[in-house]
Amino acid sequence: MAYLVVLVIDNVDHCPNVLDAWEEAGVTGVTILESSGIGRARRAGLRRDDYPLMLSLHDILQSKERHHRTVFSVVDTEEQVQTLAKAAESVMGDFDQPHTGMMFVVELHQVFGLKKPALRQDGDIE
């Protein structure tokens, strides 16, 4: 059985350290998305018509970071899921505390296109 691990990181500054911790835990691939929740957007006073169709460089430089990072990866075992949860909490703090983030896991019955690193004859990964 494979598992999709999805982690929403509240503080974007934690993202590089979480990625390092996940890599140390054995993750071979992670996808990173910029994301934002409705609560954060509303607290910032944004409405749907506040988002310009084309952002200018001025808009980008003057805007404050209002986003999260959502990272996800596919792993093979429940032990790997627990290892990733512990690695994320070691960087971000306890998930039960406010403004840390959240993580959820989905069982996958089939995974296509997920390549495992090939082992060379000497046992090293190619």
C-alpha atoms as a PDB file:
ATOM      1  CA  MET A   1       0.000   0.000   0.000  1.00  0.00           C
ATOM      2  CA  ALA A   2       1.244   3.499  -0.792  1.00  0.00           C
ATOM      3  CA  TYR A   3       0.342   6.705   1.012  1.00  0.00           C
ATOM      4  CA  LEU A   4      -0.030  10.303  -0.135  1.00  0.00           C
ATOM      5  CA  VAL A   5       1.303  12.587   2.594  1.00  0.00           C
ATOM      6  CA  VAL A   6       0.078  16.186   2.346  1.00  0.00           C
ATOM      7  CA  LEU A   7       1.558  18.831   4.635  1.00  0.00           C
ATOM      8  CA  VAL A   8       0.375  22.444   4.848  1.00  0.00           C
ATOM      9  CA  ILE A   9       3.132  24.610   6.327  1.00  0.00           C
ATOM     10  CA  ASP A  10       1.771  27.770   7.947  1.00  0.00           C
ATOM     11  CA  ASN A  11       5.100  29.611   8.213  1.00  0.00           C
ATOM     12  CA  VAL A  12       6.758  29.639   4.776  1.00  0.00           C
ATOM     13  CA  ASP A  13      10.155  30.146   6.421  1.00  0.00           C
ATOM     14  CA  HIS A  14       9.895  26.582   7.759  1.00  0.00           C
ATOM     15  CA  CYS A  15       9.557  25.054   4.291  1.00  0.00           C
ATOM     16  CA  PRO A  16      13.284  24.610   3.484  1.00  0.00           C
ATOM     17  CA  ASN A  17      13.958  22.990   6.864  1.00  0.00           C
ATOM     18  CA  VAL A  18      10.952  20.671   6.515  1.00  0.00           C
ATOM     19  CA  LEU A  19      12.167  19.644   3.064  1.00  0.00           C
ATOM     20  CA  ASP A  20      15.631  18.948   4.493  1.00  0.00           C
ATOM     21  CA  ALA A  21      14.124  16.889   7.330  1.00  0.00           C
ATOM     22  CA  TRP A  22      11.960  14.900   4.910  1.00  0.00           C
ATOM     23  CA  GLU A  23      14.951  14.259   2.668  1.00  0.00           C
ATOM     24  CA  GLU A  24      16.943  13.025   5.681  1.00  0.00           C
ATOM     25  CA  ALA A  25      13.967  10.772   6.486  1.00  0.00           C
ATOM     26  CA  GLY A  26      14.310   9.132   3.083  1.00  0.00           C
ATOM     27  CA  VAL A  27      11.788  10.913   0.870  1.00  0.00           C
ATOM     28  CA  THR A  28      12.965  10.806  -2.733  1.00  0.00           C
ATOM     29  CA  GLY A  29      10.510  13.313  -4.203  1.00  0.00           C
ATOM     30  CA  VAL A  30       8.353  16.173  -2.950  1.00  0.00           C
ATOM     31  CA  THR A  31       6.034  18.534  -4.800  1.00  0.00           C
ATOM     32  CA  ILE A  32       5.727  22.071  -3.406  1.00  0.00           C
ATOM     33  CA  LEU A  33       2.754  24.368  -3.988  1.00  0.00           C
ATOM     34  CA  GLU A  34       2.076  27.909  -2.864  1.00  0.00           C
ATOM     35  CA  SER A  35      -1.319  27.909  -1.175  1.00  0.00           C
ATOM     36  CA  SER A  36      -3.557  30.081   0.935  1.00  0.00           C
ATOM     37  CA  GLY A  37      -6.550  29.371   3.114  1.00  0.00           C
ATOM     38  CA  ILE A  38      -9.777  31.345   3.105  1.00  0.00           C
ATOM     39  CA  GLY A  39      -9.304  32.447   6.714  1.00  0.00           C
ATOM     40  CA  ARG A  40      -5.927  33.995   5.999  1.00  0.00           C
ATOM     41  CA  ALA A  41      -7.264  35.740   2.889  1.00  0.00           C
ATOM     42  CA  ARG A  42     -10.218  37.172   4.814  1.00  0.00           C
ATOM     43  CA  ARG A  43      -8.028  38.346   7.704  1.00  0.00           C
ATOM     44  CA  ALA A  44      -5.886  40.153   5.148  1.00  0.00           C
ATOM     45  CA  GLY A  45      -9.033  41.897   3.919  1.00  0.00           C
ATOM     46  CA  LEU A  46      -8.891  40.355   0.477  1.00  0.00           C
ATOM     47  CA  ARG A  47     -11.950  39.853  -1.638  1.00  0.00           C
ATOM     48  CA  ARG A  48     -12.181  37.990  -4.894  1.00  0.00           C
ATOM     49  CA  ASP A  49     -12.052  41.198  -6.916  1.00  0.00           C
ATOM     50  CA  ASP A  50      -8.800  42.261  -5.132  1.00  0.00           C
ATOM     51  CA  TYR A  51      -6.684  39.874  -7.182  1.00  0.00           C
ATOM     52  CA  PRO A  52      -5.494  41.565 -10.385  1.00  0.00           C
ATOM     53  CA  LEU A  53      -5.536  39.604 -13.606  1.00  0.00           C
ATOM     54  CA  MET A  54      -1.878  40.514 -14.241  1.00  0.00           C
ATOM     55  CA  LEU A  55       0.403  41.259 -11.311  1.00  0.00           C
ATOM     56  CA  SER A  56       2.942  44.034 -11.774  1.00  0.00           C
ATOM     57  CA  LEU A  57       6.434  43.886 -10.313  1.00  0.00           C
ATOM     58  CA  HIS A  58       5.335  46.637  -7.910  1.00  0.00           C
ATOM     59  CA  ASP A  59       2.415  44.463  -6.724  1.00  0.00           C
ATOM     60  CA  ILE A  60       4.745  41.550  -6.096  1.00  0.00           C
ATOM     61  CA  LEU A  61       7.366  43.601  -4.239  1.00  0.00           C
ATOM     62  CA  GLN A  62       4.839  45.525  -2.140  1.00  0.00           C
ATOM     63  CA  SER A  63       2.631  42.603  -1.128  1.00  0.00           C
ATOM     64  CA  LYS A  64       3.171  40.828   2.147  1.00  0.00           C
ATOM     65  CA  GLU A  65       3.431  37.050   2.167  1.00  0.00           C
ATOM     66  CA  ARG A  66      -0.089  35.728   2.715  1.00  0.00           C
ATOM     67  CA  HIS A  67       0.504  32.172   1.694  1.00  0.00           C
ATOM     68  CA  HIS A  68       1.296  28.762   3.030  1.00  0.00           C
ATOM     69  CA  ARG A  69       3.355  26.072   1.407  1.00  0.00           C
ATOM     70  CA  THR A  70       1.651  22.781   0.701  1.00  0.00           C
ATOM     71  CA  VAL A  71       4.047  19.920   0.121  1.00  0.00           C
ATOM     72  CA  PHE A  72       3.198  16.368  -0.763  1.00  0.00           C
ATOM     73  CA  SER A  73       4.927  13.098  -1.368  1.00  0.00           C
ATOM     74  CA  VAL A  74       4.096   9.441  -1.881  1.00  0.00           C
ATOM     75  CA  VAL A  75       5.627   6.904   0.497  1.00  0.00           C
ATOM     76  CA  ASP A  76       5.382   3.137   0.772  1.00  0.00           C
ATOM     77  CA  THR A  77       4.808   2.409   4.455  1.00  0.00           C
ATOM     78  CA  GLU A  78       2.973   3.655   7.523  1.00  0.00           C
ATOM     79  CA  GLU A  79       6.339   3.852   9.286  1.00  0.00           C
ATOM     80  CA  GLN A  80       7.504   6.365   6.686  1.00  0.00           C
ATOM     81  CA  VAL A  81       4.318   8.380   7.269  1.00  0.00           C
ATOM     82  CA  GLN A  82       5.052   8.534  11.019  1.00  0.00           C
ATOM     83  CA  THR A  83       8.688   9.436  10.353  1.00  0.00           C
ATOM     84  CA  LEU A  84       7.598  12.342   8.119  1.00  0.00           C
ATOM     85  CA  ALA A  85       5.093  13.564  10.719  1.00  0.00           C
ATOM     86  CA  LYS A  86       7.784  13.591  13.412  1.00  0.00           C
ATOM     87  CA  ALA A  87      10.261  15.300  11.073  1.00  0.00           C
ATOM     88  CA  ALA A  88       7.723  18.022  10.212  1.00  0.00           C
ATOM     89  CA  GLU A  89       6.820  18.612  13.858  1.00  0.00           C
ATOM     90  CA  SER A  90      10.495  18.837  14.796  1.00  0.00           C
ATOM     91  CA  VAL A  91      10.717  21.887  12.515  1.00  0.00           C
ATOM     92  CA  MET A  92       7.237  23.420  12.701  1.00  0.00           C
ATOM     93  CA  GLY A  93       6.171  22.551  16.231  1.00  0.00           C
ATOM     94  CA  ASP A  94       3.308  20.432  17.534  1.00  0.00           C
ATOM     95  CA  PHE A  95       0.441  20.222  15.024  1.00  0.00           C
ATOM     96  CA  ASP A  96      -2.000  20.771  17.902  1.00  0.00           C
ATOM     97  CA  GLN A  97      -0.601  24.276  18.443  1.00  0.00           C
ATOM     98  CA  PRO A  98      -2.010  27.207  16.448  1.00  0.00           C
ATOM     99  CA  HIS A  99      -0.240  28.494  13.338  1.00  0.00           C
ATOM    100  CA  THR A 100       1.956  25.444  12.783  1.00  0.00           C
ATOM    101  CA  GLY A 101       0.187  23.676   9.962  1.00  0.00           C
ATOM    102  CA  MET A 102      -1.612  20.445   9.305  1.00  0.00           C
ATOM    103  CA  MET A 103      -0.842  17.104   7.756  1.00  0.00           C
ATOM    104  CA  PHE A 104      -3.112  14.453   6.332  1.00  0.00           C
ATOM    105  CA  VAL A 105      -2.560  11.095   4.696  1.00  0.00           C
ATOM    106  CA  VAL A 106      -4.523   9.293   2.000  1.00  0.00           C
ATOM    107  CA  GLU A 107      -4.160   5.588   1.214  1.00  0.00           C
ATOM    108  CA  LEU A 108      -3.415   4.995  -2.448  1.00  0.00           C
ATOM    109  CA  HIS A 109      -4.507   1.783  -4.101  1.00  0.00           C
ATOM    110  CA  GLN A 110      -2.525   2.402  -7.279  1.00  0.00           C
ATOM    111  CA  VAL A 111       0.340   4.709  -8.188  1.00  0.00           C
ATOM    112  CA  PHE A 112       1.464   5.233 -11.769  1.00  0.00           C
ATOM    113  CA  GLY A 113       4.685   6.859 -12.909  1.00  0.00           C
ATOM    114  CA  LEU A 114       6.443   6.728  -9.567  1.00  0.00           C
ATOM    115  CA  LYS A 115       9.971   5.626 -10.313  1.00  0.00           C
ATOM    116  CA  LYS A 116      12.260   4.213  -7.705  1.00  0.00           C
ATOM    117  CA  PRO A 117      15.976   4.987  -7.963  1.00  0.00           C
ATOM    118  CA  ALA A 118      17.838   2.194  -9.732  1.00  0.00           C
ATOM    119  CA  LEU A 119      20.611   0.410  -7.877  1.00  0.00           C
ATOM    120  CA  ARG A 120      23.921  -0.001  -9.606  1.00  0.00           C
ATOM    121  CA  GLN A 121      25.821  -3.265  -9.370  1.00  0.00           C
ATOM    122  CA  ASP A 122      27.987  -1.818  -6.576  1.00  0.00           C
ATOM    123  CA  GLY A 123      24.833  -1.135  -4.512  1.00  0.00           C
ATOM    124  CA  ASP A 124      24.877   2.670  -4.899  1.00  0.00           C
ATOM    125  CA  ILE A 125      21.837   4.552  -6.182  1.00  0.00           C
ATOM    126  CA  GLU A 126      22.080   5.891  -9.732  1.00  0.00           C
END
